Protein backbone atom coordinates (compact mmCIF):
# COMPACT_ATOMS: atom_id res chain seq x y z
CA MET A 1 41.31 75.02 32.60
CA THR A 2 43.12 71.75 32.12
CA ALA A 3 45.60 70.07 34.41
CA ALA A 4 48.28 71.14 31.94
CA THR A 5 47.34 74.81 32.53
CA HIS A 6 47.44 74.38 36.32
CA PRO A 7 50.33 72.05 37.22
CA PRO A 8 49.78 69.71 40.18
CA ALA A 9 51.35 70.39 43.56
CA LEU A 10 55.08 69.77 43.24
CA HIS A 11 57.09 69.24 46.43
CA HIS A 12 60.88 69.35 46.66
CA LEU A 13 61.90 66.49 48.96
CA GLY A 14 65.61 67.26 48.97
CA GLY A 15 68.47 66.91 46.53
CA THR A 16 67.17 66.01 43.08
CA LEU A 17 63.94 64.37 44.30
CA TYR A 18 60.51 65.90 43.71
CA ALA A 19 57.00 64.63 44.47
CA ALA A 20 54.04 65.43 42.22
CA GLN A 21 50.50 65.00 43.56
CA ILE A 22 48.59 63.64 40.54
CA PRO A 23 44.74 63.63 40.53
CA ILE A 24 43.01 60.25 40.48
CA PRO A 25 39.26 59.39 40.33
CA LEU A 26 39.37 57.59 43.68
CA PRO A 27 38.52 58.66 47.24
CA MET A 28 42.17 59.49 48.01
CA LYS A 29 41.96 62.25 45.32
CA THR A 30 45.70 62.20 44.48
CA VAL A 31 48.64 59.81 44.21
CA THR A 32 52.31 60.61 44.73
CA VAL A 33 54.60 60.28 41.70
CA LEU A 34 58.28 60.80 42.49
CA ILE A 35 60.68 62.36 39.99
CA ASP A 36 64.44 62.04 40.46
CA LEU A 37 66.51 64.29 38.21
CA THR A 38 69.81 62.48 38.84
CA PRO A 39 70.62 60.23 35.86
CA PRO A 40 69.06 57.89 35.11
CA VAL A 41 66.07 60.26 35.29
CA THR A 42 63.51 58.22 37.17
CA LEU A 43 59.81 58.15 37.98
CA ILE A 44 58.68 56.14 40.98
CA ASP A 45 55.07 55.20 40.25
CA THR A 46 53.17 56.63 37.32
CA SER A 47 49.58 57.41 38.45
CA ILE A 48 46.45 56.20 36.69
CA HIS A 49 45.63 55.97 32.96
CA THR A 50 43.20 58.87 32.60
CA PRO A 51 43.55 62.05 30.50
CA GLU A 52 43.57 64.19 33.64
CA ALA A 53 46.39 62.21 35.25
CA ARG A 54 48.44 62.18 32.04
CA GLN A 55 48.08 65.94 31.62
CA ALA A 56 48.97 66.56 35.25
CA LEU A 57 52.09 64.40 35.03
CA GLU A 58 53.12 66.11 31.79
CA ALA A 59 52.73 69.47 33.54
CA ALA A 60 54.79 68.35 36.55
CA LEU A 61 57.57 67.15 34.26
CA GLY A 62 57.41 70.44 32.38
CA GLU A 63 57.85 72.40 35.61
CA LEU A 64 61.16 70.57 36.02
CA GLY A 65 62.20 71.11 32.39
CA LEU A 66 61.49 67.52 31.41
CA HIS A 67 59.52 65.85 28.62
CA TRP A 68 58.55 62.20 28.09
CA PRO A 69 61.75 61.27 26.17
CA ASP A 70 63.86 62.42 29.14
CA ILE A 71 62.56 59.63 31.38
CA GLU A 72 65.06 56.78 31.50
CA ARG A 73 63.63 54.55 34.22
CA VAL A 74 60.28 53.86 35.90
CA ILE A 75 60.12 52.00 39.22
CA VAL A 76 56.64 50.85 40.22
CA THR A 77 55.91 50.17 43.89
CA HIS A 78 52.94 47.92 43.03
CA ILE A 79 50.61 47.14 40.14
CA HIS A 80 47.40 48.78 41.35
CA PRO A 81 45.93 51.13 38.71
CA ASP A 82 46.73 54.38 40.53
CA HIS A 83 50.44 53.46 40.65
CA TYR A 84 51.01 51.39 37.51
CA GLY A 85 48.35 52.78 35.16
CA LEU A 86 50.49 55.03 32.91
CA ALA A 87 53.50 52.69 32.76
CA GLY A 88 52.80 51.52 29.22
CA LEU A 89 52.27 55.03 27.87
CA ILE A 90 55.49 56.28 29.49
CA GLU A 91 57.38 53.28 28.16
CA GLU A 92 56.07 53.97 24.65
CA ARG A 93 56.88 57.70 24.70
CA SER A 94 60.27 57.50 26.41
CA GLY A 95 61.67 54.00 25.92
CA ALA A 96 62.21 53.92 29.70
CA SER A 97 62.95 50.70 31.53
CA VAL A 98 59.90 49.73 33.63
CA GLN A 99 61.03 47.98 36.82
CA LEU A 100 58.88 46.03 39.30
CA LEU A 101 59.56 43.65 42.15
CA ASP A 102 59.85 40.13 40.76
CA HIS A 103 56.65 39.11 42.62
CA SER A 104 54.74 41.84 40.74
CA VAL A 105 56.10 40.77 37.35
CA LYS A 106 54.45 37.39 37.88
CA GLN A 107 51.09 39.01 38.64
CA GLU A 108 51.15 41.76 36.04
CA LYS A 109 49.24 39.52 33.61
CA LEU A 110 46.12 40.58 35.51
CA TRP A 111 46.32 43.67 33.28
CA SER A 112 48.14 42.44 30.19
CA GLU A 113 45.77 39.44 29.93
CA TRP A 114 42.69 41.14 31.39
CA GLU A 115 40.01 39.49 29.26
CA THR A 116 41.18 35.99 30.17
CA GLN A 117 41.67 36.87 33.85
CA LEU A 118 38.25 38.46 34.47
CA PRO A 119 36.09 35.27 34.54
CA ALA A 120 38.28 33.76 37.25
CA GLN A 121 37.93 36.95 39.31
CA GLN A 122 34.15 36.85 39.02
CA GLN A 123 33.98 33.13 39.84
CA PHE A 124 36.21 33.70 42.87
CA PHE A 125 33.85 36.27 44.40
CA ALA A 126 30.78 34.19 43.54
CA GLY A 127 32.36 31.33 45.49
CA HIS A 128 32.35 33.57 48.54
CA GLY A 129 28.69 34.57 48.32
CA ALA A 130 28.78 37.61 46.05
CA PRO A 131 25.76 38.22 43.77
CA PRO A 132 26.01 37.82 39.96
CA GLU A 133 26.28 41.58 39.30
CA PHE A 134 29.42 41.78 41.43
CA GLY A 135 31.61 41.86 38.32
CA VAL A 136 29.94 44.95 36.87
CA GLY A 137 32.31 47.90 36.62
CA GLU A 138 35.46 45.85 36.11
CA ALA A 139 35.80 47.15 32.56
CA GLN A 140 36.42 50.67 33.89
CA THR A 141 39.16 49.37 36.16
CA ALA A 142 40.91 47.81 33.16
CA GLU A 143 40.75 51.12 31.28
CA TRP A 144 42.74 52.69 34.10
CA VAL A 145 45.81 50.60 33.24
CA ARG A 146 47.96 50.71 30.12
CA PRO A 147 50.38 47.86 30.73
CA ALA A 148 54.04 48.07 29.90
CA VAL A 149 55.37 45.65 27.29
CA ARG A 150 58.85 45.02 28.69
CA LEU A 151 59.24 44.56 32.44
CA THR A 152 62.50 44.39 34.36
CA PRO A 153 62.28 42.46 37.65
CA LEU A 154 63.94 43.70 40.82
CA SER A 155 64.75 41.41 43.76
CA GLU A 156 64.55 41.96 47.49
CA GLY A 157 67.92 43.08 48.79
CA GLN A 158 69.05 44.44 45.41
CA ARG A 159 70.61 47.93 45.37
CA VAL A 160 69.42 50.58 42.94
CA PRO A 161 70.93 54.05 42.37
CA LEU A 162 68.69 56.97 43.27
CA LEU A 163 69.56 60.56 44.24
CA GLY A 164 73.23 59.69 43.78
CA ALA A 165 73.07 57.01 46.50
CA GLU A 166 72.38 53.29 46.78
CA TRP A 167 68.88 52.30 47.93
CA GLU A 168 67.91 48.81 49.07
CA VAL A 169 64.90 47.10 47.47
CA LEU A 170 62.44 45.87 50.10
CA TRP A 171 59.57 43.43 49.73
CA LEU A 172 56.59 44.80 51.69
CA PRO A 173 53.65 42.49 50.90
CA GLY A 174 50.12 42.85 52.22
CA HIS A 175 48.46 45.70 50.36
CA ALA A 176 49.80 44.06 47.20
CA ASP A 177 51.58 40.71 46.91
CA GLY A 178 54.55 42.27 45.14
CA HIS A 179 54.70 45.60 46.94
CA LEU A 180 58.14 47.19 46.67
CA GLY A 181 59.79 49.68 48.99
CA LEU A 182 63.11 51.50 48.74
CA TRP A 183 65.28 52.08 51.81
CA GLN A 184 68.19 54.48 52.24
CA PRO A 185 69.88 53.73 55.60
CA GLY A 186 72.15 56.78 55.49
CA THR A 187 69.23 59.20 55.57
CA GLN A 188 66.81 56.76 57.25
CA THR A 189 64.36 57.40 54.41
CA LEU A 190 61.79 54.90 53.14
CA ILE A 191 59.94 55.16 49.85
CA ALA A 192 56.88 53.27 51.05
CA GLY A 193 54.23 53.45 48.34
CA ASP A 194 51.01 52.27 50.01
CA ALA A 195 52.67 49.92 52.51
CA ILE A 196 51.85 52.49 55.19
CA LEU A 197 49.65 55.58 55.02
CA PRO A 198 49.03 58.38 57.53
CA ARG A 199 45.25 58.86 57.37
CA ILE A 200 43.77 55.56 56.22
CA THR A 201 44.69 51.90 56.59
CA PRO A 202 45.85 50.35 53.32
CA ASN A 203 43.36 47.83 51.95
CA ILE A 204 44.52 44.26 52.63
CA GLY A 205 42.58 41.95 50.32
CA LEU A 206 42.58 38.32 49.23
CA TYR A 207 42.12 37.81 45.48
CA VAL A 208 42.20 34.92 43.04
CA ASN A 209 45.71 33.62 42.32
CA GLY A 210 47.09 35.83 45.10
CA ARG A 211 49.21 34.85 48.07
CA PRO A 212 47.14 32.78 50.51
CA ASP A 213 47.59 34.92 53.62
CA PRO A 214 47.86 38.63 52.76
CA LEU A 215 47.02 39.74 56.31
CA GLY A 216 49.76 37.52 57.72
CA ASP A 217 52.08 39.04 55.12
CA TYR A 218 51.04 42.50 56.19
CA PHE A 219 51.61 41.85 59.89
CA ALA A 220 55.17 40.83 58.91
CA THR A 221 55.54 44.03 56.84
CA LEU A 222 54.36 46.16 59.74
CA GLU A 223 56.90 44.46 62.00
CA LYS A 224 59.61 45.16 59.42
CA LEU A 225 58.61 48.85 59.34
CA ARG A 226 58.69 49.05 63.13
CA ALA A 227 62.18 47.53 63.13
CA LEU A 228 63.44 49.92 60.42
CA ASN A 229 61.91 52.90 62.26
CA PRO A 230 62.43 55.36 59.38
CA ALA A 231 62.92 59.02 60.17
CA ARG A 232 60.76 59.80 57.14
CA ALA A 233 58.64 57.85 54.68
CA VAL A 234 57.46 58.99 51.27
CA VAL A 235 53.91 57.66 50.86
CA GLY A 236 51.47 57.09 48.01
CA HIS A 237 48.56 59.10 49.42
CA TYR A 238 47.96 61.87 51.95
CA GLY A 239 51.63 62.82 51.89
CA PRO A 240 53.92 63.14 50.18
CA THR A 241 55.85 62.40 53.40
CA MET A 242 55.11 61.24 56.93
CA GLU A 243 57.01 60.78 60.17
CA GLY A 244 56.25 58.49 63.10
CA VAL A 245 56.25 55.38 60.89
CA ALA A 246 56.90 52.88 63.69
CA ALA A 247 54.07 54.26 65.82
CA ARG A 248 51.70 54.30 62.84
CA ALA A 249 52.64 50.69 62.03
CA GLN A 250 51.67 49.69 65.57
CA GLU A 251 48.34 51.55 65.27
CA ILE A 252 47.51 49.73 62.04
CA SER A 253 48.49 46.36 63.52
CA ASP A 254 46.22 47.00 66.51
CA HIS A 255 43.38 47.97 64.15
CA HIS A 256 43.60 44.65 62.32
CA LEU A 257 43.70 42.70 65.57
CA GLU A 258 40.44 44.42 66.60
CA ARG A 259 38.93 43.51 63.23
CA LEU A 260 39.89 39.87 63.76
CA ASP A 261 38.12 39.86 67.13
CA GLU A 262 34.97 41.34 65.56
CA LEU A 263 35.00 38.80 62.75
CA LEU A 264 35.54 35.86 65.08
CA ALA A 265 32.61 36.94 67.26
CA ALA A 266 30.35 37.13 64.19
CA MET A 267 31.39 33.66 62.98
CA ARG A 268 30.66 32.17 66.39
CA GLU A 269 27.11 33.52 66.21
CA ARG A 270 26.37 31.55 63.05
CA PRO A 271 28.18 30.30 59.90
CA ARG A 272 28.53 33.02 57.27
CA HIS A 273 30.14 33.57 53.90
CA ALA A 274 32.56 36.42 53.28
CA TYR A 275 30.09 38.60 51.35
CA ASP A 276 27.71 38.52 54.32
CA LEU A 277 30.52 39.11 56.82
CA SER A 278 31.74 42.13 54.86
CA PHE A 279 28.60 44.04 55.87
CA MET A 280 29.52 43.49 59.49
CA LEU A 281 33.06 44.84 59.07
CA PHE A 282 32.02 47.54 56.56
CA ALA A 283 28.43 48.41 57.46
CA ARG A 284 28.13 51.66 55.50
CA ASP A 285 26.70 51.81 51.98
CA LEU A 286 29.46 51.29 49.43
CA PRO A 287 29.53 51.44 45.64
CA LEU A 288 30.15 48.13 43.93
CA THR A 289 33.89 48.71 43.66
CA GLY A 290 34.06 49.61 47.35
CA ARG A 291 32.08 46.51 48.33
CA ARG A 292 34.51 44.40 46.29
CA PHE A 293 37.40 45.81 48.34
CA ALA A 294 35.37 45.14 51.50
CA VAL A 295 34.78 41.49 50.61
CA ALA A 296 38.45 41.02 49.68
CA GLU A 297 39.56 42.51 53.01
CA THR A 298 37.03 40.41 54.92
CA LEU A 299 38.43 37.34 53.18
CA ALA A 300 41.98 38.30 54.14
CA HIS A 301 40.95 38.40 57.80
CA ALA A 302 38.89 35.20 57.61
CA GLU A 303 41.71 33.26 55.95
CA TYR A 304 44.22 34.53 58.51
CA LEU A 305 42.02 33.02 61.23
CA ARG A 306 41.47 29.80 59.28
CA LEU A 307 45.13 29.27 58.43
CA GLY A 308 45.93 29.88 62.08
CA GLY A 309 43.58 27.08 63.09
CA VAL A 310 41.12 29.38 64.88
CA ILE A 311 38.12 28.77 62.57
CA ASN A 312 37.04 26.35 59.84
CA ARG A 313 35.19 26.63 56.56
CA SER A 314 32.96 24.33 54.57
CA GLN A 315 31.40 24.53 51.13
CA GLN A 316 27.62 24.79 50.92
CA ASN A 317 25.96 24.89 47.48
CA GLY A 318 29.23 26.00 45.91
CA VAL A 319 29.86 28.81 48.42
CA TRP A 320 32.51 28.80 51.14
CA VAL A 321 31.05 29.36 54.62
CA TYR A 322 33.17 30.21 57.67
CA HIS A 323 32.31 29.01 61.17
CA GLY A 324 34.01 29.30 64.54
């Protein structure tokens, strides 16, 4: 049986808003794609570019009496493959406007110019101690994204119509430099993407050409979420909704503070590069893609400490080494 024969779980979130749980080949198993039937008919996030995800999304649309040409607008919370991957296909089949936060538009060339971007990614990780084979598997990641051709930027503070109401565009960086959220103060509802999740902590990684302090950005995002204190958030994984956002934001902040303490203790033992340090923070065996996330997150924590003046780094044989 195909995904088209068995539609994905479809949740009615109130009014004209529905959430489809689309299968993805990642540990989270599914990603939330929102469908708003109020004109302009809108998808929020698209899922990943695989046949299974495409069939599942087609089936979810069909359950609501929709087909590709009915989609008028796509809003993408961030440009990771499981959220942005089908944007180009949907644009082609529907002519929909694909909208991203302006910070994401600047970074989208990671996918639209993949072949020219990849060497810099590999060199970046090599400069932090990763072995030569660390770039293996990147080709599969690129296959998971079909980039859109025409992108419409959204700005923080802008209002967009959704569910017959005005929603405020939020900038929630950390998990992704250009992570977008949507806030409706009347209902105290946040469309959060992966800015906060109920069962796992969103990966906070430092990458080439990214913002210099993603963990610092994320601490600010968590503080913003605590201040908003939404009654309900719609989330990218393990949802589609969650409550207790402010308390969960505090839990995640405390988790990262503990990680910083662990990392600082390790650096004071002896100088280490980020690849080595990643095995201290993430000791379990990981596939290559998982280890790449681990190194990127280790770097985010190390740079937060360095930019705060707590530690230093020096270059040894072309590799950056951190020391307390």
